[in-house]
N, C-alpha and C. Protein backbone atom coordinates (compact mmCIF):
# COMPACT_ATOMS: atom_id res chain seq x y z
N MET A 1 5.31 -122.34 75.48
CA MET A 1 4.71 -121.05 75.67
C MET A 1 4.93 -120.07 74.57
N ASN A 2 5.63 -120.44 73.53
CA ASN A 2 5.98 -119.64 72.50
C ASN A 2 4.86 -119.78 71.40
N ASN A 3 4.44 -118.60 70.84
CA ASN A 3 3.45 -118.59 69.78
C ASN A 3 4.01 -117.89 68.63
N PRO A 4 3.63 -118.07 67.42
CA PRO A 4 4.28 -117.40 66.32
C PRO A 4 4.09 -115.98 66.25
N SER A 5 2.94 -115.43 66.86
CA SER A 5 2.78 -113.98 66.89
C SER A 5 3.41 -113.24 68.00
N ASP A 6 4.06 -113.92 68.85
CA ASP A 6 4.79 -113.42 69.98
C ASP A 6 6.13 -112.82 69.53
N ARG A 7 6.43 -111.56 69.83
CA ARG A 7 7.60 -110.83 69.40
C ARG A 7 8.78 -111.02 70.31
N ARG A 8 8.58 -111.70 71.50
CA ARG A 8 9.74 -111.89 72.34
C ARG A 8 10.79 -112.74 71.68
N ASP A 9 12.01 -112.41 72.08
CA ASP A 9 13.22 -113.08 71.47
C ASP A 9 13.77 -114.17 72.42
N LYS A 10 13.20 -114.27 73.61
CA LYS A 10 13.59 -115.15 74.65
C LYS A 10 12.37 -116.02 75.15
N THR A 11 12.59 -117.28 75.35
CA THR A 11 11.62 -118.22 75.76
C THR A 11 11.12 -117.83 77.19
N ARG A 12 9.80 -117.75 77.46
CA ARG A 12 9.24 -117.54 78.63
C ARG A 12 8.96 -118.94 79.35
N PHE A 13 9.32 -118.98 80.60
CA PHE A 13 9.03 -120.23 81.38
C PHE A 13 7.99 -119.97 82.36
N ALA A 14 7.05 -120.89 82.60
CA ALA A 14 6.03 -120.79 83.61
C ALA A 14 6.74 -120.96 84.94
N LEU A 15 6.57 -119.96 85.80
CA LEU A 15 7.25 -119.98 87.02
C LEU A 15 6.51 -119.16 88.02
N ARG A 16 5.84 -119.86 88.87
CA ARG A 16 4.91 -119.19 89.78
C ARG A 16 5.53 -119.20 91.20
N ARG A 17 6.05 -117.98 91.49
CA ARG A 17 6.78 -117.79 92.83
C ARG A 17 6.27 -116.55 93.44
N ASP A 18 6.45 -116.44 94.79
CA ASP A 18 6.09 -115.15 95.44
C ASP A 18 7.08 -114.08 95.09
N MET A 19 6.70 -112.82 94.93
CA MET A 19 7.60 -111.78 94.59
C MET A 19 7.10 -110.58 95.25
N HIS A 20 8.07 -109.59 95.31
CA HIS A 20 7.77 -108.24 95.67
C HIS A 20 8.30 -107.25 94.73
N TYR A 21 7.74 -106.12 94.52
CA TYR A 21 8.33 -105.14 93.56
C TYR A 21 8.32 -103.76 94.21
N THR A 22 9.26 -102.97 93.76
CA THR A 22 9.50 -101.65 94.15
C THR A 22 9.53 -100.76 92.90
N LEU A 23 8.72 -99.71 92.88
CA LEU A 23 8.52 -98.80 91.76
C LEU A 23 9.45 -97.60 92.12
N LEU A 24 10.29 -97.15 91.11
CA LEU A 24 11.36 -96.15 91.26
C LEU A 24 11.16 -94.95 90.36
N ASP A 25 11.56 -93.79 90.80
CA ASP A 25 11.65 -92.60 89.97
C ASP A 25 12.97 -91.88 90.36
N GLU A 26 13.89 -91.95 89.43
CA GLU A 26 15.23 -91.41 89.64
C GLU A 26 15.84 -91.78 91.09
N GLY A 27 15.68 -93.14 91.32
CA GLY A 27 16.32 -93.64 92.59
C GLY A 27 15.41 -93.57 93.83
N ARG A 28 14.27 -92.80 93.75
CA ARG A 28 13.42 -92.76 94.87
C ARG A 28 12.31 -93.74 94.67
N VAL A 29 12.00 -94.41 95.88
CA VAL A 29 10.88 -95.35 95.87
C VAL A 29 9.53 -94.56 95.83
N ILE A 30 8.74 -94.92 94.80
CA ILE A 30 7.46 -94.29 94.77
C ILE A 30 6.26 -95.22 94.82
N GLY A 31 6.57 -96.42 95.14
CA GLY A 31 5.48 -97.41 95.32
C GLY A 31 6.04 -98.84 95.54
N ALA A 32 5.33 -99.73 95.98
CA ALA A 32 5.71 -101.13 96.24
C ALA A 32 4.45 -102.01 96.30
N GLY A 33 4.73 -103.36 96.13
CA GLY A 33 3.64 -104.25 96.18
C GLY A 33 4.18 -105.73 96.14
N SER A 34 3.31 -106.51 96.09
CA SER A 34 3.64 -107.89 96.06
C SER A 34 2.69 -108.70 95.21
N GLY A 35 3.17 -109.95 94.69
CA GLY A 35 2.27 -110.79 93.95
C GLY A 35 3.00 -112.07 93.70
N ARG A 36 2.65 -112.74 92.62
CA ARG A 36 3.29 -113.96 92.24
C ARG A 36 3.59 -113.85 90.77
N THR A 37 4.83 -114.45 90.40
CA THR A 37 5.17 -114.40 89.00
C THR A 37 4.18 -115.31 88.23
N VAL A 38 4.00 -115.02 86.92
CA VAL A 38 3.21 -115.92 86.02
C VAL A 38 4.21 -116.58 85.16
N ASP A 39 5.14 -115.87 84.48
CA ASP A 39 6.19 -116.43 83.66
C ASP A 39 7.36 -115.54 83.59
N MET A 40 8.48 -115.97 83.21
CA MET A 40 9.78 -115.24 83.24
C MET A 40 10.62 -115.75 82.18
N SER A 41 11.54 -114.75 81.66
CA SER A 41 12.64 -115.19 80.74
C SER A 41 13.81 -114.31 81.36
N SER A 42 14.92 -114.41 80.61
CA SER A 42 16.11 -113.57 80.93
C SER A 42 15.90 -112.18 80.67
N ARG A 43 14.85 -111.80 79.97
CA ARG A 43 14.58 -110.41 79.47
C ARG A 43 13.32 -109.86 80.01
N GLY A 44 12.45 -110.62 80.62
CA GLY A 44 11.27 -110.02 81.20
C GLY A 44 10.51 -110.92 82.07
N ALA A 45 9.53 -110.41 82.73
CA ALA A 45 8.59 -111.19 83.65
C ALA A 45 7.27 -110.67 83.61
N ALA A 46 6.36 -111.57 83.84
CA ALA A 46 4.88 -111.16 84.12
C ALA A 46 4.49 -111.71 85.46
N PHE A 47 3.55 -110.85 86.05
CA PHE A 47 3.35 -111.12 87.43
C PHE A 47 1.91 -110.59 87.84
N THR A 48 1.39 -111.10 88.97
CA THR A 48 0.16 -110.53 89.36
C THR A 48 0.39 -109.35 90.26
N THR A 49 -0.54 -108.37 90.23
CA THR A 49 -0.49 -107.23 91.08
C THR A 49 -1.91 -106.97 91.67
N SER A 50 -1.96 -106.08 92.59
CA SER A 50 -3.33 -105.68 93.09
C SER A 50 -3.77 -104.28 92.52
N GLU A 51 -2.94 -103.80 91.67
CA GLU A 51 -3.25 -102.42 91.01
C GLU A 51 -2.60 -102.34 89.66
N ARG A 52 -3.16 -101.37 88.87
CA ARG A 52 -2.53 -101.21 87.47
C ARG A 52 -1.23 -100.40 87.82
N LEU A 53 -0.11 -100.77 87.17
CA LEU A 53 1.12 -100.09 87.24
C LEU A 53 1.40 -99.26 85.91
N GLN A 54 2.00 -98.12 86.09
CA GLN A 54 2.25 -97.19 84.98
C GLN A 54 3.36 -97.70 84.10
N PRO A 55 3.07 -98.03 82.76
CA PRO A 55 4.04 -98.44 81.76
C PRO A 55 5.23 -97.29 81.78
N GLY A 56 6.40 -97.77 81.70
CA GLY A 56 7.57 -96.90 81.58
C GLY A 56 8.24 -96.57 82.92
N THR A 57 7.53 -96.94 84.03
CA THR A 57 8.09 -96.86 85.35
C THR A 57 9.19 -97.82 85.67
N ALA A 58 10.25 -97.30 86.28
CA ALA A 58 11.39 -98.17 86.62
C ALA A 58 10.93 -99.09 87.82
N ILE A 59 11.27 -100.40 87.67
CA ILE A 59 10.87 -101.33 88.64
C ILE A 59 12.03 -102.27 89.12
N GLU A 60 12.05 -102.67 90.41
CA GLU A 60 13.00 -103.59 90.95
C GLU A 60 12.06 -104.78 91.34
N ILE A 61 12.27 -105.94 90.95
CA ILE A 61 11.51 -107.11 91.43
C ILE A 61 12.47 -108.05 92.26
N SER A 62 11.84 -108.68 93.26
CA SER A 62 12.57 -109.62 94.06
C SER A 62 11.68 -110.92 94.11
N VAL A 63 12.19 -111.92 93.63
CA VAL A 63 11.41 -113.25 93.42
C VAL A 63 12.19 -114.33 94.19
N SER A 64 11.27 -115.07 95.03
CA SER A 64 11.83 -116.19 95.76
C SER A 64 12.25 -117.14 94.63
N TRP A 65 13.40 -117.75 94.71
CA TRP A 65 13.81 -118.66 93.82
C TRP A 65 13.80 -120.08 94.23
N PRO A 66 13.43 -121.00 93.37
CA PRO A 66 13.15 -122.40 93.73
C PRO A 66 14.41 -123.24 94.03
N ALA A 67 15.65 -122.78 93.65
CA ALA A 67 16.84 -123.56 93.93
C ALA A 67 17.58 -123.02 95.01
N LEU A 68 18.40 -123.78 95.64
CA LEU A 68 19.24 -123.49 96.93
C LEU A 68 20.65 -123.31 96.35
N LEU A 69 21.24 -122.31 97.00
CA LEU A 69 22.85 -122.09 96.82
C LEU A 69 23.59 -123.11 97.63
N ASP A 70 24.47 -123.95 97.02
CA ASP A 70 25.21 -125.01 97.84
C ASP A 70 24.32 -125.92 98.56
N GLY A 71 23.04 -126.10 98.06
CA GLY A 71 22.18 -127.09 98.61
C GLY A 71 21.51 -126.68 99.91
N HIS A 72 21.76 -125.42 100.44
CA HIS A 72 21.20 -124.99 101.76
C HIS A 72 20.89 -123.60 101.90
N SER A 73 21.36 -122.70 100.99
CA SER A 73 21.07 -121.28 101.22
C SER A 73 19.96 -120.87 100.28
N LEU A 74 18.90 -120.28 100.81
CA LEU A 74 17.76 -119.76 100.12
C LEU A 74 18.29 -118.56 99.18
N LEU A 75 17.65 -118.45 98.01
CA LEU A 75 18.04 -117.45 97.06
C LEU A 75 16.79 -116.56 96.71
N ARG A 76 17.07 -115.32 96.31
CA ARG A 76 16.08 -114.53 95.60
C ARG A 76 16.72 -114.04 94.35
N LEU A 77 15.93 -113.84 93.36
CA LEU A 77 16.41 -113.27 92.11
C LEU A 77 16.02 -111.83 92.21
N VAL A 78 16.80 -110.88 92.05
CA VAL A 78 16.53 -109.36 92.17
C VAL A 78 16.93 -108.87 90.71
N ALA A 79 15.90 -108.18 90.14
CA ALA A 79 15.96 -107.73 88.76
C ALA A 79 15.59 -106.27 88.62
N PHE A 80 16.11 -105.64 87.75
CA PHE A 80 15.74 -104.22 87.50
C PHE A 80 15.43 -104.15 86.06
N GLY A 81 14.33 -103.28 85.73
CA GLY A 81 13.82 -103.04 84.37
C GLY A 81 12.68 -101.95 84.42
N PHE A 82 11.82 -102.13 83.54
CA PHE A 82 10.73 -101.20 83.33
C PHE A 82 9.43 -101.87 83.23
N VAL A 83 8.34 -101.18 83.71
CA VAL A 83 7.05 -101.76 83.48
C VAL A 83 6.71 -101.57 82.00
N VAL A 84 6.30 -102.66 81.21
CA VAL A 84 6.01 -102.55 79.88
C VAL A 84 4.51 -102.59 79.61
N ARG A 85 3.72 -103.25 80.45
CA ARG A 85 2.25 -103.20 80.27
C ARG A 85 1.72 -103.65 81.62
N SER A 86 0.41 -103.26 81.82
CA SER A 86 -0.30 -103.60 83.08
C SER A 86 -1.83 -103.60 82.91
N THR A 87 -2.39 -104.45 83.57
CA THR A 87 -3.99 -104.40 83.69
C THR A 87 -4.28 -104.14 85.22
N SER A 88 -5.51 -104.31 85.55
CA SER A 88 -5.79 -104.07 86.98
C SER A 88 -5.27 -105.17 87.87
N ASN A 89 -4.88 -106.39 87.37
CA ASN A 89 -4.34 -107.41 88.25
C ASN A 89 -3.11 -108.14 87.79
N THR A 90 -2.55 -107.69 86.62
CA THR A 90 -1.23 -108.31 86.16
C THR A 90 -0.37 -107.14 85.52
N ALA A 91 0.83 -107.45 85.46
CA ALA A 91 1.83 -106.52 84.85
C ALA A 91 3.00 -107.23 84.22
N ALA A 92 3.72 -106.68 83.41
CA ALA A 92 4.91 -107.32 82.82
C ALA A 92 5.98 -106.27 82.91
N CYS A 93 7.22 -106.68 83.07
CA CYS A 93 8.28 -105.79 83.01
C CYS A 93 9.43 -106.37 82.21
N SER A 94 10.36 -105.40 81.76
CA SER A 94 11.52 -105.79 81.08
C SER A 94 12.59 -106.14 82.17
N ILE A 95 13.62 -106.86 81.82
CA ILE A 95 14.67 -107.08 82.71
C ILE A 95 15.96 -106.65 82.07
N SER A 96 16.58 -105.59 82.52
CA SER A 96 17.83 -105.07 81.94
C SER A 96 19.06 -105.64 82.74
N LYS A 97 18.92 -105.85 84.00
CA LYS A 97 19.98 -106.49 84.76
C LYS A 97 19.45 -107.29 85.98
N PHE A 98 20.13 -108.31 86.36
CA PHE A 98 19.63 -109.01 87.54
C PHE A 98 20.80 -109.75 88.25
N GLU A 99 20.54 -110.20 89.45
CA GLU A 99 21.51 -110.91 90.25
C GLU A 99 20.82 -111.76 91.25
N PHE A 100 21.45 -112.71 91.65
CA PHE A 100 20.92 -113.71 92.78
C PHE A 100 21.44 -113.22 94.10
N ARG A 101 20.66 -113.09 95.15
CA ARG A 101 21.01 -112.82 96.46
C ARG A 101 20.55 -113.83 97.43
N THR A 102 21.36 -114.03 98.56
CA THR A 102 20.98 -114.99 99.47
C THR A 102 19.82 -114.34 100.31
N GLN A 103 19.07 -115.26 100.88
CA GLN A 103 17.81 -114.76 101.66
C GLN A 103 17.90 -115.34 103.15
N ALA A 104 17.56 -114.53 104.02
CA ALA A 104 17.49 -115.04 105.42
C ALA A 104 16.59 -116.31 105.46
N ARG A 105 16.91 -117.14 106.51
CA ARG A 105 16.25 -118.46 106.71
C ARG A 105 14.66 -118.22 106.91
N GLY A 106 14.33 -117.09 107.58
CA GLY A 106 12.89 -116.89 107.85
C GLY A 106 12.08 -116.54 106.50
N GLY A 107 12.82 -116.43 105.46
CA GLY A 107 12.07 -116.17 104.18
C GLY A 107 12.08 -114.68 103.81
N THR A 108 12.90 -113.80 104.61
CA THR A 108 12.93 -112.42 104.45
C THR A 108 14.12 -112.08 103.64
N SER A 109 14.18 -111.41 102.55
CA SER A 109 15.52 -111.08 101.89
C SER A 109 16.19 -109.85 102.59
N LEU A 110 17.47 -109.63 102.39
CA LEU A 110 18.14 -108.50 102.88
C LEU A 110 17.34 -107.19 102.44
N GLN A 111 16.89 -107.12 101.25
CA GLN A 111 16.18 -105.98 100.68
C GLN A 111 14.94 -105.66 101.66
N GLU A 112 14.16 -106.77 102.02
CA GLU A 112 13.06 -106.68 102.77
C GLU A 112 13.30 -106.23 104.24
N LEU A 113 14.54 -106.45 104.63
CA LEU A 113 14.94 -105.91 106.00
C LEU A 113 15.32 -104.50 106.05
N GLY A 114 15.18 -103.87 104.79
CA GLY A 114 15.55 -102.40 104.78
C GLY A 114 16.94 -102.08 104.41
N LEU A 115 17.79 -103.00 104.08
CA LEU A 115 19.11 -102.60 103.67
C LEU A 115 18.99 -102.10 102.24
N LYS A 116 20.05 -101.20 101.88
CA LYS A 116 19.97 -100.49 100.67
C LYS A 116 20.11 -101.56 99.46
N THR A 117 19.54 -101.25 98.41
CA THR A 117 19.55 -102.17 97.25
C THR A 117 20.74 -101.93 96.43
N ALA A 118 21.23 -102.96 95.59
CA ALA A 118 22.34 -102.77 94.74
C ALA A 118 22.20 -101.66 93.74
N TRP A 119 20.99 -101.16 93.49
CA TRP A 119 20.85 -100.24 92.42
C TRP A 119 20.85 -98.80 93.03
N ARG A 120 20.75 -98.59 94.25
CA ARG A 120 20.92 -97.27 94.88
C ARG A 120 22.14 -96.67 94.60
N GLY A 121 22.10 -95.39 94.22
CA GLY A 121 23.31 -94.70 93.80
C GLY A 121 23.83 -94.93 92.31
N HIS A 122 23.10 -95.89 91.60
CA HIS A 122 23.42 -96.06 90.29
C HIS A 122 22.43 -95.22 89.41
N LYS A 123 23.00 -94.64 88.35
CA LYS A 123 22.07 -93.95 87.46
C LYS A 123 21.23 -94.93 86.89
N LEU A 124 19.88 -94.58 86.78
CA LEU A 124 18.84 -95.45 86.16
C LEU A 124 18.97 -95.31 84.61
N PRO A 125 18.84 -96.33 83.91
CA PRO A 125 18.91 -96.23 82.47
C PRO A 125 17.56 -95.54 81.96
N ALA A 126 17.62 -94.85 80.72
CA ALA A 126 16.51 -94.28 80.17
C ALA A 126 15.33 -95.08 80.01
N SER A 127 14.13 -94.57 80.21
CA SER A 127 12.88 -95.34 80.13
C SER A 127 12.88 -96.11 78.85
N ALA A 128 12.21 -97.30 78.92
CA ALA A 128 12.10 -98.20 77.73
C ALA A 128 11.07 -97.53 76.76
């Protein structure tokens, strides 16, 4: 996936997984949606959307992860960053921090059940 004109310093891996995103403004939810990842690295992700996202907007993404914890617990990768570019049907975001969370057996994450996210109450970093 690397090409000589690409400025990314981390290798992107083709990873097509269901995901949800939440758009934030100073800790408040200002939008949400779902799609599928296109590719990911430890520093960013590209994914499909149903609308154009505003670059510079804080974003939290929650991605169904293909590996199991201890061979039986479903996982989600939850990451925080900023939208860096968007078209009418795709977007890319930076990843400034991430963590793995367990997911309920029915496929619903704790976040999707309405529980507070790990980022709530934390000061958001300055826009990228």
